[in-house]
Amino acid sequence: MAGWVSSYSGFAGNLVSLPTVEQLSPRVLRILGCNPSPMTLQGTNTYLVGTGKSRVLIDTGSGGSSEYIAKLKEVLSDSQSSIQEVLITHWHPDHVGGIVDILKSIDNSGHVKISKLPQEGVTEEISSNTEHRYNYLKDGEEIVTEGATLKVLHTPGHTTDHMIVYLKEENAVFSGDCILGQGTAVFEDLYTYMKSLEVILNLSPCLIYPGHGPVIEEGVNKIKEYIQHRNTREKQILQAIGEKPENSVTAMDIVKKVYVETPWYLHKAAENNVNHHLTKLEKEGQVCSIDSSSGKRWKSSL
């Protein structure tokens, strides 16, 4: 999809091995999207939620994977269940890309809602298929299926339409790309992203089911870790700029100083994060930008 910014900062360490299908709790089953990459980690996590004949699917993967569709159909057959609704955490291709394939593979596609929050500034979206338009949800809306009560909460920052899904019966959160099982997420707007982390923290979730990576069993600690990570990054960026306050630097100059353990092929994603930090710091009067022939450069204002 045009204009898609890489969803993740990437993870330079060893990825935990995850089974393609795993029953995580009596009401939550994970099916990997079968789309692993440096940016999607082990692949997109899709979740089938509920205990009855009709269940809710959260996210759909990238699409184009016959392996994923085969696993999904196998799970539905084994559980003698069908999909009543698909919840999309946000618009990125690795979360919406599988919609068409899924609808083609199930018998009740005409009765399945594809639901999400609206994108800011977008009047109408089409769910990769002109015949199936999105059902737009409202912040705080609840979806009920047998065995599960799901509440959607607007958590912008990664994208303007990002939402988490709170599972009341488990005090658990499906975090989409706000929080990952390994590594850290990127964002479109750091200020709103930090606010969204506070929203999730206020829920005090016992478990986090992330959009990528393994289940997080100490939810509150992980959220605090994310908040601390962003605060630490900000201090490192200010330090990198302040080493020679008379000189200006580019965002990539900062990446090479701050992200020293990050592989080179993830530097562009890291640069995106740095630019968001710099924009926030400029609004706060801590740095200033200078337009040059080679692009924007930055200096300390302190």
Protein backbone atom coordinates (compact mmCIF):
# COMPACT_ATOMS: atom_id res chain seq x y z
CA MET A 1 0.00 0.00 0.00
CA ALA A 2 1.41 3.38 -1.00
CA GLY A 3 2.79 5.47 1.80
CA TRP A 4 3.15 2.61 4.26
CA VAL A 5 5.87 3.33 6.77
CA SER A 6 7.63 0.29 8.18
CA SER A 7 5.69 -0.85 11.22
CA TYR A 8 8.51 -1.86 13.50
CA SER A 9 11.90 -0.79 14.64
CA GLY A 10 13.01 -4.36 14.07
CA PHE A 11 14.66 -6.74 16.50
CA ALA A 12 18.37 -7.46 16.29
CA GLY A 13 18.39 -10.37 18.73
CA ASN A 14 17.27 -13.97 18.35
CA LEU A 15 13.56 -14.40 17.77
CA VAL A 16 11.65 -16.80 19.97
CA SER A 17 10.30 -19.72 17.96
CA LEU A 18 6.50 -19.69 17.82
CA PRO A 19 4.24 -22.51 16.61
CA THR A 20 2.02 -21.63 13.67
CA VAL A 21 -1.07 -22.44 15.75
CA GLU A 22 -1.23 -22.29 19.54
CA GLN A 23 -4.07 -22.31 22.07
CA LEU A 24 -2.98 -19.56 24.46
CA SER A 25 -5.94 -19.70 26.84
CA PRO A 26 -9.39 -21.34 26.90
CA ARG A 27 -10.72 -18.44 24.79
CA VAL A 28 -7.69 -17.24 22.78
CA LEU A 29 -6.01 -19.09 19.93
CA ARG A 30 -3.13 -17.59 17.94
CA ILE A 31 -2.56 -18.30 14.25
CA LEU A 32 0.64 -16.85 12.81
CA GLY A 33 0.13 -14.95 9.57
CA CYS A 34 2.91 -16.98 7.89
CA ASN A 35 4.59 -13.73 6.81
CA PRO A 36 7.90 -13.58 8.74
CA SER A 37 10.37 -10.80 7.91
CA PRO A 38 12.84 -8.46 9.65
CA MET A 39 9.96 -6.01 10.08
CA THR A 40 7.14 -8.40 11.04
CA LEU A 41 9.31 -10.60 13.29
CA GLN A 42 7.87 -14.14 13.38
CA GLY A 43 4.93 -12.86 11.35
CA THR A 44 1.68 -11.09 12.17
CA ASN A 45 -0.22 -12.61 15.06
CA THR A 46 -3.89 -13.20 14.28
CA TYR A 47 -6.14 -14.28 17.13
CA LEU A 48 -9.36 -16.29 17.14
CA VAL A 49 -11.27 -15.30 20.28
CA GLY A 50 -14.24 -16.95 21.99
CA THR A 51 -15.44 -20.38 23.11
CA GLY A 52 -18.62 -20.92 21.10
CA LYS A 53 -19.73 -21.59 17.55
CA SER A 54 -19.22 -17.95 16.50
CA ARG A 55 -15.89 -16.26 17.24
CA VAL A 56 -14.02 -13.03 16.62
CA LEU A 57 -10.82 -12.87 14.55
CA ILE A 58 -8.35 -10.11 15.38
CA ASP A 59 -6.21 -9.03 12.38
CA THR A 60 -5.67 -10.97 9.16
CA GLY A 61 -1.97 -11.02 8.21
CA SER A 62 -0.54 -9.84 4.89
CA GLY A 63 -2.56 -12.04 2.55
CA GLY A 64 -1.31 -14.28 -0.22
CA SER A 65 -0.42 -17.16 2.10
CA SER A 66 -2.09 -20.47 1.31
CA GLU A 67 -0.48 -21.88 4.46
CA TYR A 68 -2.25 -19.32 6.64
CA ILE A 69 -5.64 -19.93 5.03
CA ALA A 70 -5.19 -23.70 5.39
CA LYS A 71 -4.37 -23.33 9.10
CA LEU A 72 -7.31 -20.97 9.70
CA LYS A 73 -9.75 -23.33 7.99
CA GLU A 74 -8.33 -26.26 9.96
CA VAL A 75 -8.80 -24.40 13.25
CA LEU A 76 -12.37 -23.43 12.39
CA SER A 77 -13.17 -27.00 11.38
CA ASP A 78 -11.61 -28.55 14.49
CA SER A 79 -13.49 -26.14 16.79
CA GLN A 80 -16.70 -26.41 14.74
CA SER A 81 -16.87 -22.62 14.76
CA SER A 82 -17.20 -19.74 12.32
CA ILE A 83 -16.05 -16.12 12.23
CA GLN A 84 -18.73 -13.61 13.24
CA GLU A 85 -16.55 -10.50 13.01
CA VAL A 86 -13.01 -9.46 12.12
CA LEU A 87 -11.42 -6.70 14.21
CA ILE A 88 -8.60 -4.77 12.55
CA THR A 89 -6.18 -3.07 14.95
CA HIS A 90 -4.96 -0.63 12.26
CA TRP A 91 -4.67 -0.10 8.52
CA HIS A 92 -1.15 -1.40 7.81
CA PRO A 93 -0.93 -4.07 5.06
CA ASP A 94 0.35 -6.83 7.34
CA HIS A 95 -2.86 -6.51 9.37
CA VAL A 96 -5.48 -5.92 6.66
CA GLY A 97 -3.90 -7.76 3.72
CA GLY A 98 -5.51 -11.11 4.45
CA ILE A 99 -9.11 -9.86 4.49
CA VAL A 100 -9.96 -10.85 0.91
CA ASP A 101 -8.34 -14.30 1.18
CA ILE A 102 -10.23 -15.02 4.40
CA LEU A 103 -13.58 -13.92 3.00
CA LYS A 104 -13.05 -16.13 -0.04
CA SER A 105 -12.24 -19.13 2.13
CA ILE A 106 -15.25 -19.11 4.50
CA ASP A 107 -18.87 -20.00 3.79
CA ASN A 108 -20.50 -17.16 5.74
CA SER A 109 -18.48 -14.25 4.28
CA GLY A 110 -21.62 -12.25 3.50
CA HIS A 111 -22.48 -12.09 7.20
CA VAL A 112 -19.03 -11.23 8.56
CA LYS A 113 -18.34 -7.67 9.73
CA ILE A 114 -14.88 -6.22 9.08
CA SER A 115 -14.54 -3.66 11.86
CA LYS A 116 -12.00 -0.99 12.75
CA LEU A 117 -11.65 2.61 13.85
CA PRO A 118 -11.61 5.26 11.10
CA GLN A 119 -8.38 6.83 9.89
CA GLU A 120 -7.95 10.51 10.61
CA GLY A 121 -8.65 12.58 7.50
CA VAL A 122 -9.93 9.61 5.49
CA THR A 123 -13.65 9.81 4.72
CA GLU A 124 -14.04 6.22 3.55
CA GLU A 125 -11.85 3.15 3.37
CA ILE A 126 -12.43 -0.02 1.44
CA SER A 127 -11.23 -3.25 3.01
CA SER A 128 -9.11 -4.34 0.02
CA ASN A 129 -12.37 -5.37 -1.66
CA THR A 130 -14.96 -3.02 -3.17
CA GLU A 131 -17.70 -5.45 -2.11
CA HIS A 132 -16.83 -5.36 1.58
CA ARG A 133 -16.62 -1.99 3.31
CA TYR A 134 -15.48 -1.45 6.85
CA ASN A 135 -17.86 -1.30 9.77
CA TYR A 136 -16.52 1.66 11.73
CA LEU A 137 -16.33 1.29 15.49
CA LYS A 138 -16.40 3.95 18.18
CA ASP A 139 -13.85 4.33 20.95
CA GLY A 140 -15.05 2.25 23.91
CA GLU A 141 -17.43 0.09 21.88
CA GLU A 142 -17.90 -3.51 23.01
CA ILE A 143 -18.15 -6.67 20.92
CA VAL A 144 -19.56 -9.72 22.65
CA THR A 145 -19.16 -13.34 21.59
CA GLU A 146 -19.61 -16.52 23.60
CA GLY A 147 -16.87 -16.63 26.22
CA ALA A 148 -15.42 -13.19 25.49
CA THR A 149 -16.30 -9.54 26.00
CA LEU A 150 -14.07 -7.30 23.89
CA LYS A 151 -13.75 -3.54 24.33
CA VAL A 152 -11.97 -1.46 21.69
CA LEU A 153 -9.94 1.55 22.81
CA HIS A 154 -8.46 4.19 20.52
CA THR A 155 -4.68 4.21 20.95
CA PRO A 156 -3.24 6.45 18.21
CA GLY A 157 0.43 7.09 17.69
CA HIS A 158 1.53 4.09 15.67
CA THR A 159 -1.24 5.11 13.26
CA THR A 160 -4.17 7.49 13.65
CA ASP A 161 -6.66 4.60 13.56
CA HIS A 162 -4.82 2.25 15.91
CA MET A 163 -6.87 0.48 18.53
CA ILE A 164 -6.22 -2.07 21.21
CA VAL A 165 -8.78 -4.69 22.21
CA TYR A 166 -9.36 -5.31 25.91
CA LEU A 167 -10.50 -8.82 26.86
CA LYS A 168 -12.45 -8.37 30.09
CA GLU A 169 -12.57 -12.03 31.12
CA GLU A 170 -8.78 -12.25 31.27
CA ASN A 171 -7.83 -8.65 32.05
CA ALA A 172 -5.76 -8.95 28.89
CA VAL A 173 -5.00 -6.63 25.98
CA PHE A 174 -4.56 -7.35 22.28
CA SER A 175 -2.03 -4.58 21.74
CA GLY A 176 -1.72 -4.52 17.95
CA ASP A 177 1.50 -2.67 17.16
CA CYS A 178 1.51 -0.41 20.23
CA ILE A 179 3.49 -3.06 22.09
CA LEU A 180 5.38 -5.99 20.56
CA GLY A 181 6.47 -9.29 22.07
CA GLN A 182 10.09 -8.58 21.09
CA GLY A 183 11.75 -5.34 20.10
CA THR A 184 10.01 -1.97 20.10
CA ALA A 185 7.41 -0.41 17.84
CA VAL A 186 7.65 2.74 15.75
CA PHE A 187 5.02 5.45 15.50
CA GLU A 188 3.66 8.29 13.40
CA ASP A 189 3.32 10.66 16.35
CA LEU A 190 5.39 10.26 19.50
CA TYR A 191 3.24 12.53 21.67
CA THR A 192 0.03 10.58 21.02
CA TYR A 193 1.91 7.27 21.19
CA MET A 194 3.11 8.06 24.71
CA LYS A 195 -0.45 9.00 25.71
CA SER A 196 -1.66 5.67 24.32
CA LEU A 197 0.90 3.76 26.38
CA GLU A 198 -0.54 5.50 29.45
CA VAL A 199 -4.05 4.40 28.42
CA ILE A 200 -2.89 0.79 28.30
CA LEU A 201 -0.96 1.14 31.56
CA ASN A 202 -4.11 2.38 33.31
CA LEU A 203 -5.81 -0.91 32.43
CA SER A 204 -3.14 -2.80 34.43
CA PRO A 205 -3.38 -5.83 32.12
CA CYS A 206 -2.15 -9.18 33.40
CA LEU A 207 -1.44 -10.36 29.84
CA ILE A 208 -0.64 -8.69 26.54
CA TYR A 209 -1.32 -10.46 23.26
CA PRO A 210 0.86 -8.45 20.84
CA GLY A 211 0.51 -7.97 17.10
CA HIS A 212 3.94 -9.57 16.65
CA GLY A 213 6.02 -11.82 18.89
CA PRO A 214 5.27 -13.95 21.95
CA VAL A 215 2.66 -13.33 24.65
CA ILE A 216 3.76 -10.88 27.34
CA GLU A 217 2.94 -12.29 30.77
CA GLU A 218 3.93 -9.29 32.89
CA GLY A 219 1.89 -6.69 31.07
CA VAL A 220 2.37 -3.73 33.40
CA ASN A 221 6.14 -4.17 33.55
CA LYS A 222 6.37 -4.31 29.75
CA ILE A 223 4.37 -1.08 29.33
CA LYS A 224 6.58 0.69 31.87
CA GLU A 225 9.61 -0.66 30.02
CA TYR A 226 8.31 0.85 26.77
CA ILE A 227 7.73 4.23 28.39
CA GLN A 228 11.20 4.17 29.96
CA HIS A 229 12.74 3.14 26.64
CA ARG A 230 11.30 6.16 24.83
CA ASN A 231 12.43 8.49 27.65
CA THR A 232 15.93 6.99 27.51
CA ARG A 233 16.05 7.38 23.71
CA GLU A 234 15.12 11.03 24.08
CA LYS A 235 17.99 11.61 26.51
CA GLN A 236 20.41 9.83 24.13
CA ILE A 237 19.28 12.00 21.21
CA LEU A 238 19.76 15.18 23.22
CA GLN A 239 23.19 13.95 24.28
CA ALA A 240 24.17 13.20 20.67
CA ILE A 241 23.14 16.70 19.59
CA GLY A 242 24.79 18.32 22.58
CA GLU A 243 28.24 16.77 22.04
CA LYS A 244 29.13 19.65 19.73
CA PRO A 245 26.38 22.22 20.25
CA GLU A 246 27.91 24.60 17.71
CA ASN A 247 27.44 22.00 14.93
CA SER A 248 24.23 20.76 13.34
CA VAL A 249 23.51 17.08 12.69
CA THR A 250 21.11 15.03 10.59
CA ALA A 251 18.72 12.44 11.97
CA MET A 252 20.86 9.71 10.40
CA ASP A 253 23.95 11.10 12.17
CA ILE A 254 22.05 10.57 15.42
CA VAL A 255 20.98 7.05 14.40
CA LYS A 256 24.62 6.05 13.92
CA LYS A 257 25.46 7.28 17.42
CA VAL A 258 22.40 6.03 19.29
CA TYR A 259 21.41 2.83 17.46
CA VAL A 260 24.90 1.30 17.44
CA GLU A 261 23.63 -2.27 17.97
CA THR A 262 20.91 -2.05 15.31
CA PRO A 263 21.64 -3.69 11.92
CA TRP A 264 22.18 -1.24 9.05
CA TYR A 265 19.10 -2.43 7.18
CA LEU A 266 16.92 -1.18 10.05
CA HIS A 267 18.53 2.27 10.16
CA LYS A 268 15.82 3.88 8.01
CA ALA A 269 13.15 2.71 10.46
CA ALA A 270 15.29 4.01 13.33
CA GLU A 271 15.71 7.33 11.49
CA ASN A 272 11.94 7.62 11.36
CA ASN A 273 11.78 7.24 15.15
CA VAL A 274 14.54 9.80 15.65
CA ASN A 275 12.72 12.32 13.46
CA HIS A 276 9.60 11.93 15.60
CA HIS A 277 11.63 12.51 18.76
CA LEU A 278 13.20 15.60 17.18
CA THR A 279 9.81 16.99 16.16
CA LYS A 280 8.58 16.58 19.73
CA LEU A 281 11.73 18.18 21.13
CA GLU A 282 11.44 21.10 18.70
CA LYS A 283 7.87 21.75 19.89
CA GLU A 284 9.22 21.79 23.44
CA GLY A 285 11.95 24.29 22.49
CA GLN A 286 14.85 21.94 23.22
CA VAL A 287 16.14 21.69 19.64
CA CYS A 288 15.80 23.72 16.45
CA SER A 289 15.81 22.65 12.82
CA ILE A 290 17.79 24.14 9.94
CA ASP A 291 16.85 23.62 6.31
CA SER A 292 19.87 22.87 4.14
CA SER A 293 20.55 21.69 0.60
CA SER A 294 21.13 18.17 1.97
CA GLY A 295 17.92 18.15 4.02
CA LYS A 296 16.90 19.09 7.53
CA ARG A 297 19.61 19.44 10.16
CA TRP A 298 19.26 19.88 13.91
CA LYS A 299 20.94 21.87 16.69
CA SER A 300 20.46 22.21 20.40
CA SER A 301 18.43 25.21 21.58
CA LEU A 302 19.63 24.89 25.15
